[in-house]
Amino acid sequence: MTDEALRKQAHDLDVTVWVGKAGIASVTDELRDQLQDRKLVKVKFLRAARGGTTTEELADDLADEVGADLVETRGNTAVYH
């Protein structure tokens, strides 16, 4: 499936993982579990999580942690496959 097709599917997804002040380490297991059950998972990075970094940097780090593909980032949300 192409990234374009994945992005279209992700458009209507609800956010199911929120990254807060505890950072990405607190959600890696949850994201990994959800990716086993679903093709796509949408993650929201709250302001407290971002600190001095960008959403893109955090999204990349989280993708590396769970071994997922980062489909896209838009605003403060990211979609993983």
PDB file of N, CA and C in Angstrom:
ATOM      1  N   MET A   1       0.845  -1.179   0.000  1.00  0.00           N
ATOM      2  CA  MET A   1       0.000   0.000   0.000  1.00  0.00           C
ATOM      3  C   MET A   1       0.894   1.247   0.000  1.00  0.00           C
ATOM      4  N   THR A   2       0.558   2.226  -0.798  1.00  0.00           N
ATOM      5  CA  THR A   2       1.390   3.422  -0.913  1.00  0.00           C
ATOM      6  C   THR A   2       1.181   4.351   0.276  1.00  0.00           C
ATOM      7  N   ASP A   3       2.164   5.238   0.490  1.00  0.00           N
ATOM      8  CA  ASP A   3       2.024   6.227   1.554  1.00  0.00           C
ATOM      9  C   ASP A   3       0.793   7.094   1.325  1.00  0.00           C
ATOM     10  N   GLU A   4       0.521   7.414   0.058  1.00  0.00           N
ATOM     11  CA  GLU A   4      -0.654   8.229  -0.272  1.00  0.00           C
ATOM     12  C   GLU A   4      -1.935   7.545   0.189  1.00  0.00           C
ATOM     13  N   ALA A   5      -2.053   6.246  -0.089  1.00  0.00           N
ATOM     14  CA  ALA A   5      -3.242   5.492   0.315  1.00  0.00           C
ATOM     15  C   ALA A   5      -3.335   5.410   1.841  1.00  0.00           C
ATOM     16  N   LEU A   6      -2.203   5.234   2.498  1.00  0.00           N
ATOM     17  CA  LEU A   6      -2.196   5.185   3.965  1.00  0.00           C
ATOM     18  C   LEU A   6      -2.615   6.528   4.552  1.00  0.00           C
ATOM     19  N   ARG A   7      -2.133   7.616   3.956  1.00  0.00           N
ATOM     20  CA  ARG A   7      -2.513   8.946   4.447  1.00  0.00           C
ATOM     21  C   ARG A   7      -4.012   9.181   4.302  1.00  0.00           C
ATOM     22  N   LYS A   8      -4.586   8.719   3.200  1.00  0.00           N
ATOM     23  CA  LYS A   8      -6.029   8.875   3.008  1.00  0.00           C
ATOM     24  C   LYS A   8      -6.806   8.104   4.072  1.00  0.00           C
ATOM     25  N   GLN A   9      -6.349   6.880   4.364  1.00  0.00           N
ATOM     26  CA  GLN A   9      -7.012   6.087   5.411  1.00  0.00           C
ATOM     27  C   GLN A   9      -6.861   6.745   6.772  1.00  0.00           C
ATOM     28  N   ALA A  10      -5.713   7.342   7.022  1.00  0.00           N
ATOM     29  CA  ALA A  10      -5.428   7.937   8.330  1.00  0.00           C
ATOM     30  C   ALA A  10      -6.262   9.174   8.593  1.00  0.00           C
ATOM     31  N   HIS A  11      -6.722   9.809   7.532  1.00  0.00           N
ATOM     32  CA  HIS A  11      -7.452  11.072   7.677  1.00  0.00           C
ATOM     33  C   HIS A  11      -8.616  10.954   8.658  1.00  0.00           C
ATOM     34  N   ASP A  12      -9.366   9.873   8.583  1.00  0.00           N
ATOM     35  CA  ASP A  12     -10.558   9.714   9.420  1.00  0.00           C
ATOM     36  C   ASP A  12     -10.304   8.980  10.728  1.00  0.00           C
ATOM     37  N   LEU A  13      -9.060   8.614  10.982  1.00  0.00           N
ATOM     38  CA  LEU A  13      -8.740   7.906  12.229  1.00  0.00           C
ATOM     39  C   LEU A  13      -8.858   8.823  13.436  1.00  0.00           C
ATOM     40  N   ASP A  14      -9.266   8.234  14.544  1.00  0.00           N
ATOM     41  CA  ASP A  14      -9.222   8.948  15.819  1.00  0.00           C
ATOM     42  C   ASP A  14      -7.860   8.728  16.451  1.00  0.00           C
ATOM     43  N   VAL A  15      -7.432   9.714  17.240  1.00  0.00           N
ATOM     44  CA  VAL A  15      -6.192   9.575  18.003  1.00  0.00           C
ATOM     45  C   VAL A  15      -6.436   8.525  19.088  1.00  0.00           C
ATOM     46  N   THR A  16      -5.522   7.540  19.186  1.00  0.00           N
ATOM     47  CA  THR A  16      -5.685   6.502  20.212  1.00  0.00           C
ATOM     48  C   THR A  16      -4.503   6.452  21.175  1.00  0.00           C
ATOM     49  N   VAL A  17      -3.447   7.232  20.893  1.00  0.00           N
ATOM     50  CA  VAL A  17      -2.298   7.308  21.800  1.00  0.00           C
ATOM     51  C   VAL A  17      -1.946   8.774  21.990  1.00  0.00           C
ATOM     52  N   TRP A  18      -1.800   9.182  23.239  1.00  0.00           N
ATOM     53  CA  TRP A  18      -1.406  10.556  23.549  1.00  0.00           C
ATOM     54  C   TRP A  18      -0.065  10.539  24.255  1.00  0.00           C
ATOM     55  N   VAL A  19       0.860  11.377  23.800  1.00  0.00           N
ATOM     56  CA  VAL A  19       2.172  11.497  24.430  1.00  0.00           C
ATOM     57  C   VAL A  19       2.153  12.788  25.243  1.00  0.00           C
ATOM     58  N   GLY A  20       2.334  12.643  26.555  1.00  0.00           N
ATOM     59  CA  GLY A  20       2.310  13.802  27.449  1.00  0.00           C
ATOM     60  C   GLY A  20       3.667  14.064  28.057  1.00  0.00           C
ATOM     61  N   LYS A  21       3.651  14.640  29.264  1.00  0.00           N
ATOM     62  CA  LYS A  21       4.915  15.049  29.884  1.00  0.00           C
ATOM     63  C   LYS A  21       5.822  13.885  30.243  1.00  0.00           C
ATOM     64  N   ALA A  22       5.278  12.668  30.319  1.00  0.00           N
ATOM     65  CA  ALA A  22       6.115  11.496  30.608  1.00  0.00           C
ATOM     66  C   ALA A  22       6.955  11.098  29.395  1.00  0.00           C
ATOM     67  N   GLY A  23       6.640  11.656  28.228  1.00  0.00           N
ATOM     68  CA  GLY A  23       7.455  11.409  27.042  1.00  0.00           C
ATOM     69  C   GLY A  23       7.092  10.130  26.308  1.00  0.00           C
ATOM     70  N   ILE A  24       7.888   9.847  25.273  1.00  0.00           N
ATOM     71  CA  ILE A  24       7.565   8.709  24.406  1.00  0.00           C
ATOM     72  C   ILE A  24       7.787   7.359  25.076  1.00  0.00           C
ATOM     73  N   ALA A  25       8.684   7.318  26.062  1.00  0.00           N
ATOM     74  CA  ALA A  25       8.960   6.040  26.728  1.00  0.00           C
ATOM     75  C   ALA A  25       7.703   5.459  27.369  1.00  0.00           C
ATOM     76  N   SER A  26       6.792   6.337  27.799  1.00  0.00           N
ATOM     77  CA  SER A  26       5.587   5.862  28.493  1.00  0.00           C
ATOM     78  C   SER A  26       4.540   5.291  27.536  1.00  0.00           C
ATOM     79  N   VAL A  27       4.709   5.473  26.225  1.00  0.00           N
ATOM     80  CA  VAL A  27       3.686   4.989  25.290  1.00  0.00           C
ATOM     81  C   VAL A  27       4.193   3.940  24.305  1.00  0.00           C
ATOM     82  N   THR A  28       5.475   3.579  24.374  1.00  0.00           N
ATOM     83  CA  THR A  28       6.022   2.660  23.376  1.00  0.00           C
ATOM     84  C   THR A  28       5.314   1.297  23.397  1.00  0.00           C
ATOM     85  N   ASP A  29       5.068   0.746  24.568  1.00  0.00           N
ATOM     86  CA  ASP A  29       4.395  -0.556  24.647  1.00  0.00           C
ATOM     87  C   ASP A  29       2.976  -0.470  24.108  1.00  0.00           C
ATOM     88  N   GLU A  30       2.273   0.599  24.464  1.00  0.00           N
ATOM     89  CA  GLU A  30       0.894   0.780  24.005  1.00  0.00           C
ATOM     90  C   GLU A  30       0.835   0.901  22.482  1.00  0.00           C
ATOM     91  N   LEU A  31       1.731   1.688  21.914  1.00  0.00           N
ATOM     92  CA  LEU A  31       1.751   1.857  20.465  1.00  0.00           C
ATOM     93  C   LEU A  31       2.088   0.536  19.773  1.00  0.00           C
ATOM     94  N   ARG A  32       3.058  -0.177  20.321  1.00  0.00           N
ATOM     95  CA  ARG A  32       3.440  -1.467  19.738  1.00  0.00           C
ATOM     96  C   ARG A  32       2.240  -2.423  19.739  1.00  0.00           C
ATOM     97  N   ASP A  33       1.519  -2.467  20.865  1.00  0.00           N
ATOM     98  CA  ASP A  33       0.341  -3.333  20.970  1.00  0.00           C
ATOM     99  C   ASP A  33      -0.730  -2.945  19.950  1.00  0.00           C
ATOM    100  N   GLN A  34      -0.981  -1.643  19.827  1.00  0.00           N
ATOM    101  CA  GLN A  34      -2.023  -1.194  18.899  1.00  0.00           C
ATOM    102  C   GLN A  34      -1.646  -1.491  17.452  1.00  0.00           C
ATOM    103  N   LEU A  35      -0.360  -1.375  17.127  1.00  0.00           N
ATOM    104  CA  LEU A  35       0.071  -1.645  15.758  1.00  0.00           C
ATOM    105  C   LEU A  35      -0.062  -3.124  15.390  1.00  0.00           C
ATOM    106  N   GLN A  36      -0.073  -3.997  16.399  1.00  0.00           N
ATOM    107  CA  GLN A  36      -0.289  -5.419  16.119  1.00  0.00           C
ATOM    108  C   GLN A  36      -1.735  -5.680  15.718  1.00  0.00           C
ATOM    109  N   ASP A  37      -2.654  -4.864  16.255  1.00  0.00           N
ATOM    110  CA  ASP A  37      -4.082  -5.061  15.998  1.00  0.00           C
ATOM    111  C   ASP A  37      -4.613  -4.221  14.838  1.00  0.00           C
ATOM    112  N   ARG A  38      -3.936  -3.139  14.515  1.00  0.00           N
ATOM    113  CA  ARG A  38      -4.420  -2.201  13.500  1.00  0.00           C
ATOM    114  C   ARG A  38      -3.348  -1.910  12.478  1.00  0.00           C
ATOM    115  N   LYS A  39      -3.793  -1.514  11.303  1.00  0.00           N
ATOM    116  CA  LYS A  39      -2.852  -1.158  10.249  1.00  0.00           C
ATOM    117  C   LYS A  39      -2.231   0.213  10.509  1.00  0.00           C
ATOM    118  N   LEU A  40      -3.051   1.142  11.023  1.00  0.00           N
ATOM    119  CA  LEU A  40      -2.601   2.512  11.267  1.00  0.00           C
ATOM    120  C   LEU A  40      -2.980   2.941  12.676  1.00  0.00           C
ATOM    121  N   VAL A  41      -2.093   3.730  13.297  1.00  0.00           N
ATOM    122  CA  VAL A  41      -2.371   4.289  14.618  1.00  0.00           C
ATOM    123  C   VAL A  41      -2.008   5.764  14.586  1.00  0.00           C
ATOM    124  N   LYS A  42      -2.919   6.598  15.100  1.00  0.00           N
ATOM    125  CA  LYS A  42      -2.678   8.039  15.139  1.00  0.00           C
ATOM    126  C   LYS A  42      -2.270   8.425  16.568  1.00  0.00           C
ATOM    127  N   VAL A  43      -1.192   9.194  16.665  1.00  0.00           N
ATOM    128  CA  VAL A  43      -0.629   9.600  17.956  1.00  0.00           C
ATOM    129  C   VAL A  43      -0.625  11.121  18.034  1.00  0.00           C
ATOM    130  N   LYS A  44      -1.048  11.651  19.175  1.00  0.00           N
ATOM    131  CA  LYS A  44      -1.021  13.105  19.397  1.00  0.00           C
ATOM    132  C   LYS A  44       0.066  13.425  20.411  1.00  0.00           C
ATOM    133  N   PHE A  45       0.889  14.420  20.062  1.00  0.00           N
ATOM    134  CA  PHE A  45       1.950  14.882  20.956  1.00  0.00           C
ATOM    135  C   PHE A  45       1.485  16.155  21.638  1.00  0.00           C
ATOM    136  N   LEU A  46       1.209  16.050  22.938  1.00  0.00           N
ATOM    137  CA  LEU A  46       0.742  17.208  23.690  1.00  0.00           C
ATOM    138  C   LEU A  46       1.891  18.186  23.929  1.00  0.00           C
ATOM    139  N   ARG A  47       1.555  19.426  24.190  1.00  0.00           N
ATOM    140  CA  ARG A  47       2.565  20.472  24.380  1.00  0.00           C
ATOM    141  C   ARG A  47       3.585  20.082  25.446  1.00  0.00           C
ATOM    142  N   ALA A  48       3.126  19.447  26.521  1.00  0.00           N
ATOM    143  CA  ALA A  48       4.031  19.058  27.611  1.00  0.00           C
ATOM    144  C   ALA A  48       5.097  18.078  27.138  1.00  0.00           C
ATOM    145  N   ALA A  49       4.784  17.275  26.122  1.00  0.00           N
ATOM    146  CA  ALA A  49       5.741  16.281  25.620  1.00  0.00           C
ATOM    147  C   ALA A  49       6.808  16.931  24.756  1.00  0.00           C
ATOM    148  N   ARG A  50       6.450  17.995  24.077  1.00  0.00           N
ATOM    149  CA  ARG A  50       7.359  18.571  23.089  1.00  0.00           C
ATOM    150  C   ARG A  50       8.536  19.294  23.707  1.00  0.00           C
ATOM    151  N   GLY A  51       8.321  20.007  24.794  1.00  0.00           N
ATOM    152  CA  GLY A  51       9.432  20.718  25.422  1.00  0.00           C
ATOM    153  C   GLY A  51      10.187  21.538  24.395  1.00  0.00           C
ATOM    154  N   GLY A  52      11.479  21.266  24.224  1.00  0.00           N
ATOM    155  CA  GLY A  52      12.289  22.015  23.273  1.00  0.00           C
ATOM    156  C   GLY A  52      12.448  21.333  21.932  1.00  0.00           C
ATOM    157  N   THR A  53      11.697  20.254  21.683  1.00  0.00           N
ATOM    158  CA  THR A  53      11.836  19.533  20.425  1.00  0.00           C
ATOM    159  C   THR A  53      10.602  19.746  19.550  1.00  0.00           C
ATOM    160  N   THR A  54      10.705  19.309  18.323  1.00  0.00           N
ATOM    161  CA  THR A  54       9.564  19.421  17.418  1.00  0.00           C
ATOM    162  C   THR A  54       8.769  18.124  17.415  1.00  0.00           C
ATOM    163  N   THR A  55       7.554  18.214  16.949  1.00  0.00           N
ATOM    164  CA  THR A  55       6.727  17.016  16.810  1.00  0.00           C
ATOM    165  C   THR A  55       7.399  16.012  15.883  1.00  0.00           C
ATOM    166  N   GLU A  56       8.008  16.521  14.803  1.00  0.00           N
ATOM    167  CA  GLU A  56       8.673  15.632  13.844  1.00  0.00           C
ATOM    168  C   GLU A  56       9.797  14.832  14.496  1.00  0.00           C
ATOM    169  N   GLU A  57      10.600  15.504  15.335  1.00  0.00           N
ATOM    170  CA  GLU A  57      11.702  14.799  16.021  1.00  0.00           C
ATOM    171  C   GLU A  57      11.159  13.724  16.955  1.00  0.00           C
ATOM    172  N   LEU A  58      10.131  14.084  17.727  1.00  0.00           N
ATOM    173  CA  LEU A  58       9.542  13.105  18.641  1.00  0.00           C
ATOM    174  C   LEU A  58       8.918  11.948  17.875  1.00  0.00           C
ATOM    175  N   ALA A  59       8.244  12.259  16.774  1.00  0.00           N
ATOM    176  CA  ALA A  59       7.597  11.224  15.965  1.00  0.00           C
ATOM    177  C   ALA A  59       8.635  10.258  15.400  1.00  0.00           C
ATOM    178  N   ASP A  60       9.758  10.798  14.925  1.00  0.00           N
ATOM    179  CA  ASP A  60      10.836   9.945  14.408  1.00  0.00           C
ATOM    180  C   ASP A  60      11.408   9.059  15.507  1.00  0.00           C
ATOM    181  N   ASP A  61      11.639   9.645  16.676  1.00  0.00           N
ATOM    182  CA  ASP A  61      12.181   8.877  17.802  1.00  0.00           C
ATOM    183  C   ASP A  61      11.234   7.747  18.199  1.00  0.00           C
ATOM    184  N   LEU A  62       9.942   8.053  18.243  1.00  0.00           N
ATOM    185  CA  LEU A  62       8.957   7.039  18.626  1.00  0.00           C
ATOM    186  C   LEU A  62       8.901   5.921  17.584  1.00  0.00           C
ATOM    187  N   ALA A  63       8.965   6.279  16.313  1.00  0.00           N
ATOM    188  CA  ALA A  63       8.980   5.260  15.248  1.00  0.00           C
ATOM    189  C   ALA A  63      10.169   4.327  15.416  1.00  0.00           C
ATOM    190  N   ASP A  64      11.331   4.901  15.718  1.00  0.00           N
ATOM    191  CA  ASP A  64      12.533   4.088  15.936  1.00  0.00           C
ATOM    192  C   ASP A  64      12.358   3.158  17.132  1.00  0.00           C
ATOM    193  N   GLU A  65      11.781   3.677  18.206  1.00  0.00           N
ATOM    194  CA  GLU A  65      11.605   2.896  19.435  1.00  0.00           C
ATOM    195  C   GLU A  65      10.734   1.658  19.214  1.00  0.00           C
ATOM    196  N   VAL A  66       9.669   1.810  18.438  1.00  0.00           N
ATOM    197  CA  VAL A  66       8.726   0.697  18.276  1.00  0.00           C
ATOM    198  C   VAL A  66       8.926  -0.075  16.971  1.00  0.00           C
ATOM    199  N   GLY A  67       9.851   0.380  16.137  1.00  0.00           N
ATOM    200  CA  GLY A  67      10.092  -0.295  14.872  1.00  0.00           C
ATOM    201  C   GLY A  67       8.946  -0.125  13.887  1.00  0.00           C
ATOM    202  N   ALA A  68       8.319   1.043  13.903  1.00  0.00           N
ATOM    203  CA  ALA A  68       7.175   1.317  13.028  1.00  0.00           C
ATOM    204  C   ALA A  68       7.585   2.272  11.916  1.00  0.00           C
ATOM    205  N   ASP A  69       6.755   2.314  10.881  1.00  0.00           N
ATOM    206  CA  ASP A  69       6.947   3.286   9.813  1.00  0.00           C
ATOM    207  C   ASP A  69       6.137   4.530  10.147  1.00  0.00           C
ATOM    208  N   LEU A  70       6.771   5.676  10.044  1.00  0.00           N
ATOM    209  CA  LEU A  70       6.078   6.946  10.229  1.00  0.00           C
ATOM    210  C   LEU A  70       5.469   7.327   8.885  1.00  0.00           C
ATOM    211  N   VAL A  71       4.150   7.328   8.814  1.00  0.00           N
ATOM    212  CA  VAL A  71       3.464   7.630   7.557  1.00  0.00           C
ATOM    213  C   VAL A  71       3.465   9.125   7.306  1.00  0.00           C
ATOM    214  N   GLU A  72       3.095   9.905   8.330  1.00  0.00           N
ATOM    215  CA  GLU A  72       3.095  11.358   8.194  1.00  0.00           C
ATOM    216  C   GLU A  72       2.998  12.021   9.552  1.00  0.00           C
ATOM    217  N   THR A  73       3.420  13.285   9.593  1.00  0.00           N
ATOM    218  CA  THR A  73       3.138  14.139  10.737  1.00  0.00           C
ATOM    219  C   THR A  73       2.371  15.338  10.199  1.00  0.00           C
ATOM    220  N   ARG A  74       1.385  15.753  10.960  1.00  0.00           N
ATOM    221  CA  ARG A  74       0.607  16.935  10.585  1.00  0.00           C
ATOM    222  C   ARG A  74       0.236  17.646  11.877  1.00  0.00           C
ATOM    223  N   GLY A  75       0.692  18.871  12.008  1.00  0.00           N
ATOM    224  CA  GLY A  75       0.452  19.589  13.255  1.00  0.00           C
ATOM    225  C   GLY A  75       1.143  18.866  14.395  1.00  0.00           C
ATOM    226  N   ASN A  76       0.394  18.506  15.405  1.00  0.00           N
ATOM    227  CA  ASN A  76       0.958  17.798  16.566  1.00  0.00           C
ATOM    228  C   ASN A  76       0.583  16.334  16.587  1.00  0.00           C
ATOM    229  N   THR A  77       0.167  15.806  15.444  1.00  0.00           N
ATOM    230  CA  THR A  77      -0.177  14.391  15.370  1.00  0.00           C
ATOM    231  C   THR A  77       0.727  13.676  14.375  1.00  0.00           C
ATOM    232  N   ALA A  78       0.867  12.381  14.598  1.00  0.00           N
ATOM    233  CA  ALA A  78       1.661  11.541  13.707  1.00  0.00           C
ATOM    234  C   ALA A  78       0.877  10.262  13.459  1.00  0.00           C
ATOM    235  N   VAL A  79       1.092   9.665  12.291  1.00  0.00           N
ATOM    236  CA  VAL A  79       0.429   8.417  11.940  1.00  0.00           C
ATOM    237  C   VAL A  79       1.505   7.366  11.708  1.00  0.00           C
ATOM    238  N   TYR A  80       1.307   6.207  12.337  1.00  0.00           N
ATOM    239  CA  TYR A  80       2.275   5.106  12.240  1.00  0.00           C
ATOM    240  C   TYR A  80       1.646   3.906  11.568  1.00  0.00           C
ATOM    241  N   HIS A  81       2.508   3.130  10.903  1.00  0.00           N
ATOM    242  CA  HIS A  81       2.089   1.925  10.197  1.00  0.00           C
ATOM    243  C   HIS A  81       3.019   0.785  10.613  1.00  0.00           C
TER     244      HIS A  81
END
